[in-house]
Amino acid sequence: MIEFIKVFIKNGNKSKIANVITSIRILCSIALLFNPVFSWAFYLLYIIAGLSDMIDGTIARKTNSVSEFGSKLDTIADIIFVSVCLIELIPIMNFPFWLYVWIISIGFIKLNSILYGYIKLKEIVSVHSFMNKITGLLLFIFPLTVSIIPLKYSTIIICIFATVAAIQEGYYVKIKFKHHKLYY
């Protein structure tokens, strides 16, 4: 993998490397669907997908290749990764009913922000806030810690951060609509 990246950059594709890394997250996410949860292959794909999420933006900034397309691709990759993880993990977790309601509520808040941005601005607005990054990190470590941290603690912490991040994202989208010069 490292050798592929070196050759890719050497051949003049430095501006595309972040998008390639983001695309790797999409491929790993889809591959997760075909591996048993908590198997070594699941963990390997999961960690690669998570690490790609952590480095793609940094690489885009370092290579001066930040783009609107890359931002949208990152958002799509995040949605796919989180959706696949929910599809894979929720059926085997013993979550209480109120937690399902909370998770669905967070999803509705985020969907509302996406729809508001699309209706008012005619674009899908990507908000890469600090709270979204913290939530992403917590969601990433969740499957890695499920055997050592009781669900009732980890899920509450994750849902609190995810709720605040979703509300903040909605606020930022509405600000962008009012002051269209804000960019993320």
Protein backbone atom coordinates (compact mmCIF):
# COMPACT_ATOMS: atom_id res chain seq x y z
CA MET A 1 0.00 0.00 0.00
CA ILE A 2 2.75 2.46 0.95
CA GLU A 3 4.63 1.61 -2.25
CA PHE A 4 1.47 2.24 -4.31
CA ILE A 5 1.11 5.68 -2.71
CA LYS A 6 4.77 6.54 -3.41
CA VAL A 7 4.41 5.54 -7.08
CA PHE A 8 1.09 7.36 -7.33
CA ILE A 9 2.65 10.60 -6.01
CA LYS A 10 5.81 10.16 -8.12
CA ASN A 11 3.67 9.97 -11.27
CA GLY A 12 2.29 13.47 -10.69
CA ASN A 13 -0.88 12.53 -8.86
CA LYS A 14 -0.05 14.33 -5.62
CA SER A 15 -3.26 16.38 -5.82
CA LYS A 16 -5.39 13.21 -6.00
CA ILE A 17 -3.86 11.17 -3.18
CA ALA A 18 -6.29 12.41 -0.50
CA ASN A 19 -9.26 11.41 -2.67
CA VAL A 20 -7.71 7.99 -3.28
CA ILE A 21 -7.34 7.52 0.48
CA THR A 22 -10.97 8.57 0.98
CA SER A 23 -12.01 6.09 -1.72
CA ILE A 24 -10.14 3.36 0.17
CA ARG A 25 -12.46 4.09 3.13
CA ILE A 26 -15.48 3.50 0.89
CA LEU A 27 -14.06 0.20 -0.41
CA CYS A 28 -13.12 -1.00 3.10
CA SER A 29 -16.58 -0.03 4.38
CA ILE A 30 -18.29 -2.09 1.69
CA ALA A 31 -15.92 -5.01 2.35
CA LEU A 32 -16.93 -4.91 6.03
CA LEU A 33 -20.38 -6.13 4.98
CA PHE A 34 -18.82 -9.41 3.81
CA ASN A 35 -16.81 -10.19 6.95
CA PRO A 36 -18.08 -11.47 10.29
CA VAL A 37 -18.23 -8.75 12.94
CA PHE A 38 -15.25 -8.80 15.31
CA SER A 39 -13.26 -11.19 13.10
CA TRP A 40 -9.64 -10.34 12.33
CA ALA A 41 -10.63 -9.30 8.78
CA PHE A 42 -13.38 -7.07 10.15
CA TYR A 43 -10.95 -5.35 12.52
CA LEU A 44 -8.32 -4.95 9.80
CA LEU A 45 -10.75 -3.36 7.33
CA TYR A 46 -12.30 -1.30 10.11
CA ILE A 47 -8.93 0.09 11.24
CA ILE A 48 -7.85 0.88 7.66
CA ALA A 49 -11.14 2.69 7.04
CA GLY A 50 -10.83 4.61 10.31
CA LEU A 51 -7.22 5.58 9.71
CA SER A 52 -8.05 6.73 6.19
CA ASP A 53 -10.64 9.05 7.72
CA MET A 54 -8.03 10.48 10.05
CA ILE A 55 -5.38 11.16 7.39
CA ASP A 56 -7.18 12.10 4.18
CA GLY A 57 -7.94 15.69 5.23
CA THR A 58 -4.45 16.22 6.63
CA ILE A 59 -2.89 14.96 3.40
CA ALA A 60 -5.20 17.19 1.33
CA ARG A 61 -4.07 20.22 3.34
CA LYS A 62 -0.36 19.23 3.25
CA THR A 63 -0.43 18.68 -0.52
CA ASN A 64 -2.47 21.85 -1.04
CA SER A 65 -5.17 19.79 -2.75
CA VAL A 66 -8.23 20.64 -0.64
CA SER A 67 -11.24 20.70 -2.93
CA GLU A 68 -15.00 20.86 -2.79
CA PHE A 69 -15.11 17.44 -4.47
CA GLY A 70 -12.79 16.00 -1.81
CA SER A 71 -14.92 17.45 0.96
CA LYS A 72 -18.08 15.93 -0.53
CA LEU A 73 -16.34 12.60 -1.14
CA ASP A 74 -15.20 12.60 2.50
CA THR A 75 -18.77 13.22 3.67
CA ILE A 76 -20.09 10.40 1.45
CA ALA A 77 -17.34 8.06 2.71
CA ASP A 78 -18.22 8.96 6.31
CA ILE A 79 -21.92 8.25 5.72
CA ILE A 80 -21.13 4.90 4.10
CA PHE A 81 -18.68 3.93 6.86
CA VAL A 82 -21.07 4.85 9.69
CA SER A 83 -24.05 3.23 7.92
CA VAL A 84 -22.17 -0.02 7.36
CA CYS A 85 -21.00 -0.05 10.97
CA LEU A 86 -24.56 0.49 12.18
CA ILE A 87 -25.83 -2.27 9.87
CA GLU A 88 -23.16 -4.64 11.16
CA LEU A 89 -23.08 -3.74 14.86
CA ILE A 90 -26.66 -2.89 15.86
CA PRO A 91 -28.06 -6.40 15.22
CA ILE A 92 -25.50 -8.00 17.53
CA MET A 93 -25.55 -5.36 20.27
CA ASN A 94 -28.06 -5.53 23.08
CA PHE A 95 -29.06 -1.87 23.07
CA PRO A 96 -32.03 -0.68 25.12
CA PHE A 97 -34.97 0.77 23.16
CA TRP A 98 -34.29 4.36 24.30
CA LEU A 99 -30.84 4.17 22.72
CA TYR A 100 -32.31 3.26 19.33
CA VAL A 101 -34.63 6.25 19.66
CA TRP A 102 -31.65 8.50 20.48
CA ILE A 103 -29.59 7.21 17.53
CA ILE A 104 -32.52 7.71 15.14
CA SER A 105 -33.05 11.22 16.54
CA ILE A 106 -29.42 12.11 15.85
CA GLY A 107 -29.86 10.79 12.32
CA PHE A 108 -32.94 12.99 11.82
CA ILE A 109 -31.09 16.08 13.09
CA LYS A 110 -28.24 15.40 10.66
CA LEU A 111 -30.64 14.68 7.79
CA ASN A 112 -32.47 17.93 8.56
CA SER A 113 -29.18 19.85 8.26
CA ILE A 114 -28.34 18.18 4.96
CA LEU A 115 -31.80 18.87 3.54
CA TYR A 116 -31.84 22.47 4.79
CA GLY A 117 -28.46 23.12 3.20
CA TYR A 118 -29.54 21.52 -0.05
CA ILE A 119 -32.87 23.36 -0.23
CA LYS A 120 -31.52 26.79 0.75
CA LEU A 121 -28.06 26.66 -0.84
CA LYS A 122 -28.66 24.12 -3.60
CA GLU A 123 -25.65 22.15 -2.40
CA ILE A 124 -24.77 19.47 0.09
CA VAL A 125 -23.02 21.34 2.87
CA SER A 126 -20.17 19.45 4.54
CA VAL A 127 -19.34 20.56 8.05
CA HIS A 128 -16.05 19.20 9.36
CA SER A 129 -16.26 20.68 12.85
CA PHE A 130 -14.19 19.77 15.88
CA MET A 131 -17.26 18.16 17.50
CA ASN A 132 -17.84 16.03 14.40
CA LYS A 133 -14.21 14.91 14.58
CA ILE A 134 -14.53 14.01 18.28
CA THR A 135 -17.73 12.09 17.55
CA GLY A 136 -15.99 10.29 14.70
CA LEU A 137 -13.11 9.33 16.97
CA LEU A 138 -15.49 8.02 19.65
CA LEU A 139 -17.44 6.04 17.06
CA PHE A 140 -14.18 4.67 15.69
CA ILE A 141 -12.92 3.38 19.04
CA PHE A 142 -16.33 2.00 20.08
CA PRO A 143 -16.02 -1.45 18.41
CA LEU A 144 -12.43 -1.67 19.62
CA THR A 145 -13.50 -1.14 23.25
CA VAL A 146 -16.85 -2.92 23.34
CA SER A 147 -15.40 -5.84 25.29
CA ILE A 148 -13.86 -3.66 28.03
CA ILE A 149 -16.21 -0.67 28.47
CA PRO A 150 -19.85 -1.38 29.39
CA LEU A 151 -22.28 -0.36 26.63
CA LYS A 152 -24.35 1.79 28.98
CA TYR A 153 -21.37 4.11 29.49
CA SER A 154 -19.78 4.18 26.06
CA THR A 155 -23.03 4.63 24.15
CA ILE A 156 -24.22 7.50 26.35
CA ILE A 157 -20.93 9.35 25.91
CA ILE A 158 -20.95 8.79 22.14
CA CYS A 159 -24.59 9.86 21.81
CA ILE A 160 -24.03 13.04 23.85
CA PHE A 161 -21.15 14.08 21.60
CA ALA A 162 -23.04 13.03 18.45
CA THR A 163 -26.11 15.04 19.51
CA VAL A 164 -24.08 18.17 20.21
CA ALA A 165 -22.19 17.71 16.91
CA ALA A 166 -25.45 17.27 14.95
CA ILE A 167 -27.02 20.37 16.52
CA GLN A 168 -23.82 22.37 15.95
CA GLU A 169 -23.73 21.19 12.33
CA GLY A 170 -27.33 22.39 11.83
CA TYR A 171 -26.41 25.74 13.34
CA TYR A 172 -23.38 26.09 11.04
CA VAL A 173 -25.47 25.20 7.99
CA LYS A 174 -28.00 27.89 8.90
CA ILE A 175 -25.19 30.42 9.45
CA LYS A 176 -23.75 29.55 6.06
CA PHE A 177 -27.15 30.23 4.53
CA LYS A 178 -27.35 33.64 6.22
CA HIS A 179 -23.70 34.51 5.51
CA HIS A 180 -23.00 32.62 2.32
CA LYS A 181 -19.30 33.49 2.50
CA LEU A 182 -18.56 30.85 5.18
CA TYR A 183 -16.68 27.85 3.80
CA TYR A 184 -15.76 24.57 5.44
